[in-house]
Amino acid sequence: MSKVGIREVAKLAGVSTGTVSRVLNDHPSVTEELRGRVRRIIGELGYTPDPSARSMRGKVSRLIGIVIPDLTNPFFAELVQSAEQAAASHGYNIIVMTSFDHAAKEADRIAQLTSRKVDGIIVVPSNDFHAIKPPKGLPIVVVDRLLPGYSGIAADHRDGARLGVDYLLKLGHRRIGFISGPKDSVPANDRLKGYLDAIGQGADDPQSRGSSLIAEATFDYESGRAAGHYLLARARHERPTAIFTSSDQQAIGCMRAAHDLGIPIPAALSIVSFDGIPLSRMTTPRLTTVKQPIQKIAAATVAVLLNKQPMPAVGSPLLFACELSEGETTSPPQPDYDNAIFSRLSSNH
C-alpha cells in the first residue's frame, strides 16, 4: 500500500495543499469548520506528514527542547509530561535533556538542542545559568526557578507557602515548624518568605531565619526525614505541633521521622507540604499539600514558545496561584493528647 500524500488529503477535503499545510501548522487564518474537515480526512486516511520536509518548507522543526535538572524528581517528571501533552496539542514533540544542575552541562544541552533545530527551549535553570550565552534568536523560557534577565513562568511559591501556613494557623497552631529548601534555591527562598509572612515575621529578619523551628534541607525524602528528627526529637512542650515542608518528598520523610519517634499524625502533629505531586495522594494518612498548577504552567510555557500568547516581560514573570489540597495530615492542636495517652496506659495496669 503506497503512502498517502498531502495531495490526496487536499483532494478529498476539497481544498488546496496550502490549506492542508496551514491546518497542520495551526495557522489562525483557517476556520474551525475547515480545520475540522481537514483533520477528519487526515484521520480517515492515516496521513502522517514528513517532519523533515515540513521543516525545510516551513522553517520549523516542530520540536521543543526541555532541559531539567533531574528526571528522578517527581515534580520535574510531571512538568515534562505536562509539557509533552501541551506540545502535542499544537502538533509538536519535545526532546528532554537533563543538566544535573550544572551550568556547563546546561550549555552543552542547549547546544545539542540548537543543532537539532528546535523551535524553542524550556529550561529549569541552575543557579549559574546566567553564565551561559544562549544562541541569539532562539526563544528560551525559564520555568520554576526565576532568574533576573530572563522571561519566566512559575507558580507563586511565596503566596503558596503563605496559604499553607495560614491554613495551620486557622486550625489553631502557633508553634509551626518549617523545613526549608536549599539556601541557594530561588523557589525555596520564596517559600521561606511565605512562611515568615504568615507567622508575622519579616522575611529579612535574621532572628526569624535562625529560629529553632526552621530546619534547612534539600527537597528529597532523606533530607526531610533528618529535618523532621531535628524538629521533633525534643521535649513535648518545645517541639512544633505542626510542620510546613517545602516539598512533598520532604513531608513524606518527616512523616517517617514522626513514626520513628512514636508521634501520631495528625493527633499529635499536623503536616502541610508543597508541590501536590501524585505521590502526595498515596501516603497514609493522605498528605495535605499546597498544589502547584503544573499543567497550567507547562501549557502556558509551550504557548509562549510557539507565539500563541505573549512572552512575559523580563522582570515581570507570569505567576500562577497555588491551591490547597486538603488531605488527612492536619487537625487542630490537641495539647492534652499526651495526658490522654498516659491516662489510658495507667488504666490498663
C-alpha atoms as a PDB file:
ATOM      1  CA  MET A   1       0.000   0.000   0.000  1.00  0.00           C
ATOM      2  CA  SER A   2       1.509   3.341  -1.101  1.00  0.00           C
ATOM      3  CA  LYS A   3       1.957   6.102   1.435  1.00  0.00           C
ATOM      4  CA  VAL A   4      -0.825   8.690   1.496  1.00  0.00           C
ATOM      5  CA  GLY A   5       0.375  12.156   0.496  1.00  0.00           C
ATOM      6  CA  ILE A   6      -0.788  15.693   1.144  1.00  0.00           C
ATOM      7  CA  ARG A   7      -2.337  15.898  -2.352  1.00  0.00           C
ATOM      8  CA  GLU A   8      -4.745  13.041  -1.554  1.00  0.00           C
ATOM      9  CA  VAL A   9      -5.775  14.780   1.666  1.00  0.00           C
ATOM     10  CA  ALA A  10      -6.373  18.070  -0.170  1.00  0.00           C
ATOM     11  CA  LYS A  11      -8.371  16.385  -2.953  1.00  0.00           C
ATOM     12  CA  LEU A  12     -10.741  14.559  -0.575  1.00  0.00           C
ATOM     13  CA  ALA A  13     -11.162  17.622   1.644  1.00  0.00           C
ATOM     14  CA  GLY A  14     -11.842  19.819  -1.383  1.00  0.00           C
ATOM     15  CA  VAL A  15      -9.077  22.293  -0.508  1.00  0.00           C
ATOM     16  CA  SER A  16      -5.611  23.243  -1.705  1.00  0.00           C
ATOM     17  CA  THR A  17      -2.418  21.631  -0.418  1.00  0.00           C
ATOM     18  CA  GLY A  18      -1.569  25.033   1.048  1.00  0.00           C
ATOM     19  CA  THR A  19      -4.712  24.901   3.193  1.00  0.00           C
ATOM     20  CA  VAL A  20      -3.798  21.430   4.444  1.00  0.00           C
ATOM     21  CA  SER A  21      -0.355  22.737   5.342  1.00  0.00           C
ATOM     22  CA  ARG A  22      -1.879  25.662   7.256  1.00  0.00           C
ATOM     23  CA  VAL A  23      -4.097  23.256   9.206  1.00  0.00           C
ATOM     24  CA  LEU A  24      -1.075  21.144  10.117  1.00  0.00           C
ATOM     25  CA  ASN A  25       0.754  24.265  11.302  1.00  0.00           C
ATOM     26  CA  ASP A  26      -2.207  25.587  13.358  1.00  0.00           C
ATOM     27  CA  HIS A  27      -2.383  28.734  11.248  1.00  0.00           C
ATOM     28  CA  PRO A  28      -5.015  31.120  12.688  1.00  0.00           C
ATOM     29  CA  SER A  29      -6.378  32.020   9.228  1.00  0.00           C
ATOM     30  CA  VAL A  30      -8.131  28.635   8.887  1.00  0.00           C
ATOM     31  CA  THR A  31     -11.762  28.485  10.048  1.00  0.00           C
ATOM     32  CA  GLU A  32     -12.799  25.905  12.628  1.00  0.00           C
ATOM     33  CA  GLU A  33     -15.184  24.263  10.136  1.00  0.00           C
ATOM     34  CA  LEU A  34     -12.433  23.864   7.544  1.00  0.00           C
ATOM     35  CA  ARG A  35      -9.908  22.776  10.141  1.00  0.00           C
ATOM     36  CA  GLY A  36     -12.284  20.079  11.385  1.00  0.00           C
ATOM     37  CA  ARG A  37     -12.948  18.806   7.850  1.00  0.00           C
ATOM     38  CA  VAL A  38      -9.234  18.524   7.012  1.00  0.00           C
ATOM     39  CA  ARG A  39      -8.426  16.881  10.352  1.00  0.00           C
ATOM     40  CA  ARG A  40     -11.208  14.338   9.747  1.00  0.00           C
ATOM     41  CA  ILE A  41      -9.799  13.400   6.320  1.00  0.00           C
ATOM     42  CA  ILE A  42      -6.281  13.161   7.763  1.00  0.00           C
ATOM     43  CA  GLY A  43      -7.585  10.739  10.399  1.00  0.00           C
ATOM     44  CA  GLU A  44      -9.510   8.636   7.887  1.00  0.00           C
ATOM     45  CA  LEU A  45      -6.532   8.327   5.533  1.00  0.00           C
ATOM     46  CA  GLY A  46      -3.977   7.871   8.268  1.00  0.00           C
ATOM     47  CA  TYR A  47      -1.870  10.615   6.727  1.00  0.00           C
ATOM     48  CA  THR A  48       1.438  11.323   8.509  1.00  0.00           C
ATOM     49  CA  PRO A  49       3.375  14.408   7.374  1.00  0.00           C
ATOM     50  CA  ASP A  50       7.099  14.120   6.677  1.00  0.00           C
ATOM     51  CA  PRO A  51       8.806  16.063   9.509  1.00  0.00           C
ATOM     52  CA  SER A  52      11.972  16.790   7.512  1.00  0.00           C
ATOM     53  CA  ALA A  53      10.013  18.107   4.525  1.00  0.00           C
ATOM     54  CA  ARG A  54       7.841  20.278   6.729  1.00  0.00           C
ATOM     55  CA  SER A  55      10.953  21.612   8.432  1.00  0.00           C
ATOM     56  CA  MET A  56      12.526  22.586   5.096  1.00  0.00           C
ATOM     57  CA  ARG A  57       9.367  24.240   3.794  1.00  0.00           C
ATOM     58  CA  GLY A  58       8.126  25.892   6.946  1.00  0.00           C
ATOM     59  CA  LYS A  59      11.485  26.530   8.596  1.00  0.00           C
ATOM     60  CA  VAL A  60      10.210  24.875  11.775  1.00  0.00           C
ATOM     61  CA  SER A  61      11.241  21.568  13.275  1.00  0.00           C
ATOM     62  CA  ARG A  62       8.020  21.002  15.224  1.00  0.00           C
ATOM     63  CA  LEU A  63      10.321  20.255  18.154  1.00  0.00           C
ATOM     64  CA  ILE A  64      10.628  21.887  21.565  1.00  0.00           C
ATOM     65  CA  GLY A  65      13.605  21.249  23.828  1.00  0.00           C
ATOM     66  CA  ILE A  66      13.275  20.993  27.589  1.00  0.00           C
ATOM     67  CA  VAL A  67      16.238  20.974  29.979  1.00  0.00           C
ATOM     68  CA  ILE A  68      15.584  19.918  33.565  1.00  0.00           C
ATOM     69  CA  PRO A  69      17.947  19.210  36.471  1.00  0.00           C
ATOM     70  CA  ASP A  70      16.792  15.710  37.306  1.00  0.00           C
ATOM     71  CA  LEU A  71      14.289  13.268  35.812  1.00  0.00           C
ATOM     72  CA  THR A  72      14.005  11.285  39.048  1.00  0.00           C
ATOM     73  CA  ASN A  73      12.388  14.250  40.816  1.00  0.00           C
ATOM     74  CA  PRO A  74       8.610  13.657  40.586  1.00  0.00           C
ATOM     75  CA  PHE A  75       7.903  17.375  40.135  1.00  0.00           C
ATOM     76  CA  PHE A  76      10.155  17.643  37.063  1.00  0.00           C
ATOM     77  CA  ALA A  77       8.823  14.358  35.679  1.00  0.00           C
ATOM     78  CA  GLU A  78       5.269  15.717  35.869  1.00  0.00           C
ATOM     79  CA  LEU A  79       6.401  19.002  34.322  1.00  0.00           C
ATOM     80  CA  VAL A  80       7.886  17.115  31.366  1.00  0.00           C
ATOM     81  CA  GLN A  81       4.746  15.019  30.917  1.00  0.00           C
ATOM     82  CA  SER A  82       2.524  18.101  31.029  1.00  0.00           C
ATOM     83  CA  ALA A  83       4.779  19.925  28.553  1.00  0.00           C
ATOM     84  CA  GLU A  84       4.654  16.934  26.211  1.00  0.00           C
ATOM     85  CA  GLN A  85       0.852  16.920  26.312  1.00  0.00           C
ATOM     86  CA  ALA A  86       0.706  20.673  25.707  1.00  0.00           C
ATOM     87  CA  ALA A  87       3.174  20.451  22.803  1.00  0.00           C
ATOM     88  CA  ALA A  88       1.263  17.578  21.208  1.00  0.00           C
ATOM     89  CA  SER A  89      -1.922  19.651  21.230  1.00  0.00           C
ATOM     90  CA  HIS A  90      -0.114  22.090  18.907  1.00  0.00           C
ATOM     91  CA  GLY A  91       1.385  19.365  16.731  1.00  0.00           C
ATOM     92  CA  TYR A  92       4.840  19.488  18.335  1.00  0.00           C
ATOM     93  CA  ASN A  93       7.110  16.936  20.011  1.00  0.00           C
ATOM     94  CA  ILE A  94       9.630  17.515  22.776  1.00  0.00           C
ATOM     95  CA  ILE A  95      13.217  16.481  23.377  1.00  0.00           C
ATOM     96  CA  VAL A  96      14.120  16.097  27.058  1.00  0.00           C
ATOM     97  CA  MET A  97      17.633  16.531  28.425  1.00  0.00           C
ATOM     98  CA  THR A  98      18.990  16.649  31.972  1.00  0.00           C
ATOM     99  CA  SER A  99      21.571  19.113  33.273  1.00  0.00           C
ATOM    100  CA  PHE A 100      22.186  17.689  36.766  1.00  0.00           C
ATOM    101  CA  ASP A 101      22.110  21.323  37.928  1.00  0.00           C
ATOM    102  CA  HIS A 102      25.461  22.130  36.276  1.00  0.00           C
ATOM    103  CA  ALA A 103      25.822  25.197  34.049  1.00  0.00           C
ATOM    104  CA  ALA A 104      28.418  23.519  31.807  1.00  0.00           C
ATOM    105  CA  LYS A 105      26.028  20.643  31.126  1.00  0.00           C
ATOM    106  CA  GLU A 106      23.198  23.144  30.504  1.00  0.00           C
ATOM    107  CA  ALA A 107      25.350  24.892  27.901  1.00  0.00           C
ATOM    108  CA  ASP A 108      26.082  21.545  26.250  1.00  0.00           C
ATOM    109  CA  ARG A 109      22.398  20.516  26.253  1.00  0.00           C
ATOM    110  CA  ILE A 110      21.334  23.845  24.764  1.00  0.00           C
ATOM    111  CA  ALA A 111      23.994  23.493  22.048  1.00  0.00           C
ATOM    112  CA  GLN A 112      22.728  19.998  21.227  1.00  0.00           C
ATOM    113  CA  LEU A 113      19.136  21.173  21.051  1.00  0.00           C
ATOM    114  CA  THR A 114      20.122  24.117  18.867  1.00  0.00           C
ATOM    115  CA  SER A 115      21.827  21.728  16.446  1.00  0.00           C
ATOM    116  CA  ARG A 116      18.558  19.786  16.293  1.00  0.00           C
ATOM    117  CA  LYS A 117      16.870  22.988  15.083  1.00  0.00           C
ATOM    118  CA  VAL A 118      14.320  23.085  17.898  1.00  0.00           C
ATOM    119  CA  ASP A 119      11.822  25.933  17.744  1.00  0.00           C
ATOM    120  CA  GLY A 120      12.332  26.906  21.394  1.00  0.00           C
ATOM    121  CA  ILE A 121      13.714  25.677  24.700  1.00  0.00           C
ATOM    122  CA  ILE A 122      12.176  25.366  28.168  1.00  0.00           C
ATOM    123  CA  VAL A 123      14.769  25.474  30.953  1.00  0.00           C
ATOM    124  CA  VAL A 124      14.596  24.805  34.678  1.00  0.00           C
ATOM    125  CA  PRO A 125      17.898  26.582  35.288  1.00  0.00           C
ATOM    126  CA  SER A 126      20.815  26.030  37.627  1.00  0.00           C
ATOM    127  CA  ASN A 127      21.997  28.897  39.809  1.00  0.00           C
ATOM    128  CA  ASP A 128      24.839  29.576  37.374  1.00  0.00           C
ATOM    129  CA  PHE A 129      22.664  29.662  34.270  1.00  0.00           C
ATOM    130  CA  HIS A 130      23.396  33.399  33.871  1.00  0.00           C
ATOM    131  CA  ALA A 131      26.965  32.462  32.858  1.00  0.00           C
ATOM    132  CA  ILE A 132      25.667  30.730  29.720  1.00  0.00           C
ATOM    133  CA  LYS A 133      25.407  32.617  26.440  1.00  0.00           C
ATOM    134  CA  PRO A 134      22.395  31.101  24.676  1.00  0.00           C
ATOM    135  CA  PRO A 135      22.107  31.382  20.882  1.00  0.00           C
ATOM    136  CA  LYS A 136      20.513  34.553  19.576  1.00  0.00           C
ATOM    137  CA  GLY A 137      17.065  34.342  18.026  1.00  0.00           C
ATOM    138  CA  LEU A 138      16.089  31.095  19.770  1.00  0.00           C
ATOM    139  CA  PRO A 139      13.226  31.563  22.265  1.00  0.00           C
ATOM    140  CA  ILE A 140      14.132  30.382  25.773  1.00  0.00           C
ATOM    141  CA  VAL A 141      11.679  30.442  28.665  1.00  0.00           C
ATOM    142  CA  VAL A 142      12.821  29.883  32.232  1.00  0.00           C
ATOM    143  CA  VAL A 143      10.404  27.828  34.336  1.00  0.00           C
ATOM    144  CA  ASP A 144      10.011  27.317  38.103  1.00  0.00           C
ATOM    145  CA  ARG A 145      13.339  28.894  39.117  1.00  0.00           C
ATOM    146  CA  LEU A 146      13.024  32.523  38.087  1.00  0.00           C
ATOM    147  CA  LEU A 147      16.207  34.369  37.172  1.00  0.00           C
ATOM    148  CA  PRO A 148      16.891  38.058  36.505  1.00  0.00           C
ATOM    149  CA  GLY A 149      17.317  38.865  32.828  1.00  0.00           C
ATOM    150  CA  TYR A 150      15.037  36.096  31.550  1.00  0.00           C
ATOM    151  CA  SER A 151      11.348  35.724  30.804  1.00  0.00           C
ATOM    152  CA  GLY A 152       9.948  33.383  33.416  1.00  0.00           C
ATOM    153  CA  ILE A 153       6.882  31.311  34.270  1.00  0.00           C
ATOM    154  CA  ALA A 154       6.314  29.706  37.665  1.00  0.00           C
ATOM    155  CA  ALA A 155       3.931  29.034  40.500  1.00  0.00           C
ATOM    156  CA  ASP A 156       3.657  31.796  43.080  1.00  0.00           C
ATOM    157  CA  HIS A 157       5.853  29.998  45.604  1.00  0.00           C
ATOM    158  CA  ARG A 158       5.709  32.732  48.241  1.00  0.00           C
ATOM    159  CA  ASP A 159       1.937  33.083  48.212  1.00  0.00           C
ATOM    160  CA  GLY A 160       1.536  29.292  48.101  1.00  0.00           C
ATOM    161  CA  ALA A 161       3.622  28.808  51.247  1.00  0.00           C
ATOM    162  CA  ARG A 162       1.694  31.580  52.971  1.00  0.00           C
ATOM    163  CA  LEU A 163      -1.533  29.789  52.034  1.00  0.00           C
ATOM    164  CA  GLY A 164      -0.353  26.539  53.616  1.00  0.00           C
ATOM    165  CA  VAL A 165       0.871  28.120  56.860  1.00  0.00           C
ATOM    166  CA  ASP A 166      -2.271  30.274  57.118  1.00  0.00           C
ATOM    167  CA  TYR A 167      -4.278  27.056  56.991  1.00  0.00           C
ATOM    168  CA  LEU A 168      -2.359  25.713  60.000  1.00  0.00           C
ATOM    169  CA  LEU A 169      -2.825  28.996  61.855  1.00  0.00           C
ATOM    170  CA  LYS A 170      -6.580  28.865  61.255  1.00  0.00           C
ATOM    171  CA  LEU A 171      -6.622  25.366  62.761  1.00  0.00           C
ATOM    172  CA  GLY A 172      -5.169  26.916  65.914  1.00  0.00           C
ATOM    173  CA  HIS A 173      -1.482  26.008  65.626  1.00  0.00           C
ATOM    174  CA  ARG A 174       1.001  28.568  66.915  1.00  0.00           C
ATOM    175  CA  ARG A 175       4.219  26.545  67.189  1.00  0.00           C
ATOM    176  CA  ILE A 176       4.697  25.800  63.491  1.00  0.00           C
ATOM    177  CA  GLY A 177       7.970  24.323  62.298  1.00  0.00           C
ATOM    178  CA  PHE A 178       9.317  24.808  58.788  1.00  0.00           C
ATOM    179  CA  ILE A 179      11.519  22.571  56.643  1.00  0.00           C
ATOM    180  CA  SER A 180      13.129  24.822  54.071  1.00  0.00           C
ATOM    181  CA  GLY A 181      14.870  24.035  50.827  1.00  0.00           C
ATOM    182  CA  PRO A 182      18.496  24.812  49.947  1.00  0.00           C
ATOM    183  CA  LYS A 183      19.637  28.386  50.654  1.00  0.00           C
ATOM    184  CA  ASP A 184      20.680  28.934  47.037  1.00  0.00           C
ATOM    185  CA  SER A 185      17.299  27.874  45.609  1.00  0.00           C
ATOM    186  CA  VAL A 186      15.004  30.682  44.397  1.00  0.00           C
ATOM    187  CA  PRO A 187      11.757  28.693  44.960  1.00  0.00           C
ATOM    188  CA  ALA A 188      12.984  27.579  48.395  1.00  0.00           C
ATOM    189  CA  ASN A 189      13.704  31.145  49.457  1.00  0.00           C
ATOM    190  CA  ASP A 190      10.303  32.298  48.188  1.00  0.00           C
ATOM    191  CA  ARG A 191       8.617  29.555  50.229  1.00  0.00           C
ATOM    192  CA  LEU A 192      10.604  30.587  53.297  1.00  0.00           C
ATOM    193  CA  LYS A 193       9.426  34.166  52.788  1.00  0.00           C
ATOM    194  CA  GLY A 194       5.836  32.928  52.567  1.00  0.00           C
ATOM    195  CA  TYR A 195       6.234  31.048  55.856  1.00  0.00           C
ATOM    196  CA  LEU A 196       7.684  34.134  57.553  1.00  0.00           C
ATOM    197  CA  ASP A 197       4.907  36.311  56.092  1.00  0.00           C
ATOM    198  CA  ALA A 198       2.277  34.017  57.573  1.00  0.00           C
ATOM    199  CA  ILE A 199       3.743  33.823  61.073  1.00  0.00           C
ATOM    200  CA  GLY A 200       4.173  37.593  61.140  1.00  0.00           C
ATOM    201  CA  GLN A 201       7.944  37.850  60.900  1.00  0.00           C
ATOM    202  CA  GLY A 202       9.702  39.865  58.215  1.00  0.00           C
ATOM    203  CA  ALA A 203      11.493  37.852  55.571  1.00  0.00           C
ATOM    204  CA  ASP A 204      14.616  39.952  56.150  1.00  0.00           C
ATOM    205  CA  ASP A 205      14.628  39.473  59.917  1.00  0.00           C
ATOM    206  CA  PRO A 206      17.819  37.498  60.659  1.00  0.00           C
ATOM    207  CA  GLN A 207      16.442  36.348  64.016  1.00  0.00           C
ATOM    208  CA  SER A 208      13.469  34.654  62.378  1.00  0.00           C
ATOM    209  CA  ARG A 209      15.677  32.868  59.848  1.00  0.00           C
ATOM    210  CA  GLY A 210      17.740  31.481  62.694  1.00  0.00           C
ATOM    211  CA  SER A 211      14.700  30.182  64.548  1.00  0.00           C
ATOM    212  CA  SER A 212      14.998  26.726  66.117  1.00  0.00           C
ATOM    213  CA  LEU A 213      11.705  25.892  64.392  1.00  0.00           C
ATOM    214  CA  ILE A 214      13.338  26.179  60.951  1.00  0.00           C
ATOM    215  CA  ALA A 215      15.348  23.262  59.562  1.00  0.00           C
ATOM    216  CA  GLU A 216      17.245  23.605  56.299  1.00  0.00           C
ATOM    217  CA  ALA A 217      17.148  20.639  53.937  1.00  0.00           C
ATOM    218  CA  THR A 218      17.238  19.617  50.311  1.00  0.00           C
ATOM    219  CA  PHE A 219      13.938  18.714  48.655  1.00  0.00           C
ATOM    220  CA  ASP A 220      14.249  14.915  48.947  1.00  0.00           C
ATOM    221  CA  TYR A 221      12.899  12.238  51.290  1.00  0.00           C
ATOM    222  CA  GLU A 222      16.030  11.542  53.337  1.00  0.00           C
ATOM    223  CA  SER A 223      16.672  15.220  53.963  1.00  0.00           C
ATOM    224  CA  GLY A 224      13.061  15.656  55.070  1.00  0.00           C
ATOM    225  CA  ARG A 225      13.412  12.720  57.437  1.00  0.00           C
ATOM    226  CA  ALA A 226      16.586  14.173  59.003  1.00  0.00           C
ATOM    227  CA  ALA A 227      14.995  17.621  59.327  1.00  0.00           C
ATOM    228  CA  GLY A 228      11.897  16.021  60.875  1.00  0.00           C
ATOM    229  CA  HIS A 229      14.034  14.311  63.519  1.00  0.00           C
ATOM    230  CA  TYR A 230      15.741  17.631  64.272  1.00  0.00           C
ATOM    231  CA  LEU A 231      12.408  19.382  64.852  1.00  0.00           C
ATOM    232  CA  LEU A 232      10.622  16.575  66.664  1.00  0.00           C
ATOM    233  CA  ALA A 233      13.275  14.951  68.865  1.00  0.00           C
ATOM    234  CA  ARG A 234      12.797  17.415  71.698  1.00  0.00           C
ATOM    235  CA  ALA A 235      10.564  17.836  74.726  1.00  0.00           C
ATOM    236  CA  ARG A 236       6.824  17.781  74.019  1.00  0.00           C
ATOM    237  CA  HIS A 237       6.369  21.417  75.096  1.00  0.00           C
ATOM    238  CA  GLU A 238       9.244  22.521  72.834  1.00  0.00           C
ATOM    239  CA  ARG A 239       8.535  20.654  69.622  1.00  0.00           C
ATOM    240  CA  PRO A 240       6.169  22.062  66.989  1.00  0.00           C
ATOM    241  CA  THR A 241       2.531  20.994  66.890  1.00  0.00           C
ATOM    242  CA  ALA A 242       2.613  21.437  63.109  1.00  0.00           C
ATOM    243  CA  ILE A 243       5.245  21.458  60.369  1.00  0.00           C
ATOM    244  CA  PHE A 244       5.141  23.020  56.919  1.00  0.00           C
ATOM    245  CA  THR A 245       7.537  21.400  54.449  1.00  0.00           C
ATOM    246  CA  SER A 246       8.893  22.859  51.202  1.00  0.00           C
ATOM    247  CA  SER A 247       8.196  19.697  49.193  1.00  0.00           C
ATOM    248  CA  ASP A 248       6.010  16.611  49.308  1.00  0.00           C
ATOM    249  CA  GLN A 249       9.085  14.385  49.394  1.00  0.00           C
ATOM    250  CA  GLN A 250      10.326  16.211  52.494  1.00  0.00           C
ATOM    251  CA  ALA A 251       6.903  15.757  54.073  1.00  0.00           C
ATOM    252  CA  ILE A 252       6.958  12.002  53.495  1.00  0.00           C
ATOM    253  CA  GLY A 253      10.397  11.858  55.116  1.00  0.00           C
ATOM    254  CA  CYS A 254       9.095  13.955  58.023  1.00  0.00           C
ATOM    255  CA  MET A 255       6.159  11.562  58.417  1.00  0.00           C
ATOM    256  CA  ARG A 256       8.655   8.722  58.716  1.00  0.00           C
ATOM    257  CA  ALA A 257      10.566  10.666  61.387  1.00  0.00           C
ATOM    258  CA  ALA A 258       7.344  11.166  63.342  1.00  0.00           C
ATOM    259  CA  HIS A 259       6.632   7.436  63.072  1.00  0.00           C
ATOM    260  CA  ASP A 260      10.148   6.625  64.304  1.00  0.00           C
ATOM    261  CA  LEU A 261       9.577   8.842  67.349  1.00  0.00           C
ATOM    262  CA  GLY A 262       6.085   7.499  68.083  1.00  0.00           C
ATOM    263  CA  ILE A 263       4.341  10.779  67.221  1.00  0.00           C
ATOM    264  CA  PRO A 264       0.966  10.085  65.566  1.00  0.00           C
ATOM    265  CA  ILE A 265      -0.275  12.193  62.646  1.00  0.00           C
ATOM    266  CA  PRO A 266      -2.451  14.227  62.871  1.00  0.00           C
ATOM    267  CA  ALA A 267      -3.310  13.560  66.536  1.00  0.00           C
ATOM    268  CA  ALA A 268      -0.015  14.970  67.852  1.00  0.00           C
ATOM    269  CA  LEU A 269       1.452  16.544  64.716  1.00  0.00           C
ATOM    270  CA  SER A 270      -0.059  18.227  61.675  1.00  0.00           C
ATOM    271  CA  ILE A 271       1.852  18.387  58.386  1.00  0.00           C
ATOM    272  CA  VAL A 272       1.237  20.513  55.303  1.00  0.00           C
ATOM    273  CA  SER A 273       3.556  20.184  52.311  1.00  0.00           C
ATOM    274  CA  PHE A 274       4.217  21.888  48.970  1.00  0.00           C
ATOM    275  CA  ASP A 275       4.036  20.662  45.333  1.00  0.00           C
ATOM    276  CA  GLY A 276       0.998  18.402  45.002  1.00  0.00           C
ATOM    277  CA  ILE A 277       2.777  15.609  43.104  1.00  0.00           C
ATOM    278  CA  PRO A 278       0.753  12.379  42.570  1.00  0.00           C
ATOM    279  CA  LEU A 279       2.724  10.672  45.352  1.00  0.00           C
ATOM    280  CA  SER A 280       1.110  13.021  47.896  1.00  0.00           C
ATOM    281  CA  ARG A 281      -2.223  11.252  47.327  1.00  0.00           C
ATOM    282  CA  MET A 282      -0.726   7.823  48.064  1.00  0.00           C
ATOM    283  CA  THR A 283       0.518   8.313  51.626  1.00  0.00           C
ATOM    284  CA  THR A 284      -1.221   7.069  54.739  1.00  0.00           C
ATOM    285  CA  PRO A 285      -2.581   9.344  56.016  1.00  0.00           C
ATOM    286  CA  ARG A 286      -3.001  11.273  52.759  1.00  0.00           C
ATOM    287  CA  LEU A 287      -0.969  14.493  52.682  1.00  0.00           C
ATOM    288  CA  THR A 288      -2.477  17.939  52.910  1.00  0.00           C
ATOM    289  CA  THR A 289      -0.438  19.856  50.343  1.00  0.00           C
ATOM    290  CA  VAL A 290      -0.217  23.156  48.505  1.00  0.00           C
ATOM    291  CA  LYS A 291      -0.602  22.106  44.884  1.00  0.00           C
ATOM    292  CA  GLN A 292       1.325  23.787  42.103  1.00  0.00           C
ATOM    293  CA  PRO A 293      -0.695  24.091  38.854  1.00  0.00           C
ATOM    294  CA  ILE A 294       1.917  22.172  36.854  1.00  0.00           C
ATOM    295  CA  GLN A 295      -0.308  21.574  33.818  1.00  0.00           C
ATOM    296  CA  LYS A 296      -1.184  25.270  33.553  1.00  0.00           C
ATOM    297  CA  ILE A 297       2.480  26.252  33.875  1.00  0.00           C
ATOM    298  CA  ALA A 298       3.516  23.787  31.165  1.00  0.00           C
ATOM    299  CA  ALA A 299       0.678  24.801  28.826  1.00  0.00           C
ATOM    300  CA  ALA A 300       1.500  28.495  29.201  1.00  0.00           C
ATOM    301  CA  THR A 301       5.206  27.883  28.626  1.00  0.00           C
ATOM    302  CA  VAL A 302       4.580  25.951  25.417  1.00  0.00           C
ATOM    303  CA  ALA A 303       2.100  28.591  24.228  1.00  0.00           C
ATOM    304  CA  VAL A 304       4.652  31.336  24.843  1.00  0.00           C
ATOM    305  CA  LEU A 305       7.363  29.487  22.906  1.00  0.00           C
ATOM    306  CA  LEU A 306       5.001  28.972  19.961  1.00  0.00           C
ATOM    307  CA  ASN A 307       3.865  32.619  19.978  1.00  0.00           C
ATOM    308  CA  LYS A 308       0.346  31.607  20.957  1.00  0.00           C
ATOM    309  CA  GLN A 309       0.490  34.101  23.835  1.00  0.00           C
ATOM    310  CA  PRO A 310       2.845  36.997  24.639  1.00  0.00           C
ATOM    311  CA  MET A 311       6.256  36.371  26.164  1.00  0.00           C
ATOM    312  CA  PRO A 312       6.311  37.640  29.794  1.00  0.00           C
ATOM    313  CA  ALA A 313       8.356  40.800  30.143  1.00  0.00           C
ATOM    314  CA  VAL A 314      11.782  40.416  31.715  1.00  0.00           C
ATOM    315  CA  GLY A 315      11.376  41.226  35.400  1.00  0.00           C
ATOM    316  CA  SER A 316       7.622  40.564  35.277  1.00  0.00           C
ATOM    317  CA  PRO A 317       7.243  36.773  35.403  1.00  0.00           C
ATOM    318  CA  LEU A 318       3.952  35.029  34.777  1.00  0.00           C
ATOM    319  CA  LEU A 319       2.956  33.589  38.159  1.00  0.00           C
ATOM    320  CA  PHE A 320       0.212  31.020  38.731  1.00  0.00           C
ATOM    321  CA  ALA A 321      -1.669  30.769  42.018  1.00  0.00           C
ATOM    322  CA  CYS A 322      -1.367  27.562  44.029  1.00  0.00           C
ATOM    323  CA  GLU A 323      -4.285  25.893  45.782  1.00  0.00           C
ATOM    324  CA  LEU A 324      -4.603  23.907  48.985  1.00  0.00           C
ATOM    325  CA  SER A 325      -5.469  20.238  48.622  1.00  0.00           C
ATOM    326  CA  GLU A 326      -6.820  19.039  51.963  1.00  0.00           C
ATOM    327  CA  GLY A 327      -5.787  15.554  52.990  1.00  0.00           C
ATOM    328  CA  GLU A 328      -5.651  13.739  56.314  1.00  0.00           C
ATOM    329  CA  THR A 329      -2.444  15.037  57.906  1.00  0.00           C
ATOM    330  CA  THR A 330      -3.924  18.052  59.692  1.00  0.00           C
ATOM    331  CA  SER A 331      -6.163  18.691  62.693  1.00  0.00           C
ATOM    332  CA  PRO A 332      -6.476  21.347  65.415  1.00  0.00           C
ATOM    333  CA  PRO A 333      -3.718  21.069  68.055  1.00  0.00           C
ATOM    334  CA  GLN A 334      -4.502  18.668  70.886  1.00  0.00           C
ATOM    335  CA  PRO A 335      -2.437  19.822  73.901  1.00  0.00           C
ATOM    336  CA  ASP A 336      -3.883  17.125  76.172  1.00  0.00           C
ATOM    337  CA  TYR A 337      -3.012  14.298  73.798  1.00  0.00           C
ATOM    338  CA  ASP A 338      -0.010  13.079  75.827  1.00  0.00           C
ATOM    339  CA  ASN A 339      -2.040  13.204  79.065  1.00  0.00           C
ATOM    340  CA  ALA A 340      -4.806  11.180  77.456  1.00  0.00           C
ATOM    341  CA  ILE A 341      -2.310   8.530  76.318  1.00  0.00           C
ATOM    342  CA  PHE A 342      -0.788   8.395  79.830  1.00  0.00           C
ATOM    343  CA  SER A 343      -4.232   8.008  81.397  1.00  0.00           C
ATOM    344  CA  ARG A 344      -5.131   5.108  79.087  1.00  0.00           C
ATOM    345  CA  LEU A 345      -1.838   3.370  79.785  1.00  0.00           C
ATOM    346  CA  SER A 346      -2.343   3.772  83.560  1.00  0.00           C
ATOM    347  CA  SER A 347      -5.876   2.392  83.426  1.00  0.00           C
ATOM    348  CA  ASN A 348      -4.631  -0.726  81.651  1.00  0.00           C
ATOM    349  CA  HIS A 349      -2.354  -1.652  84.602  1.00  0.00           C
END
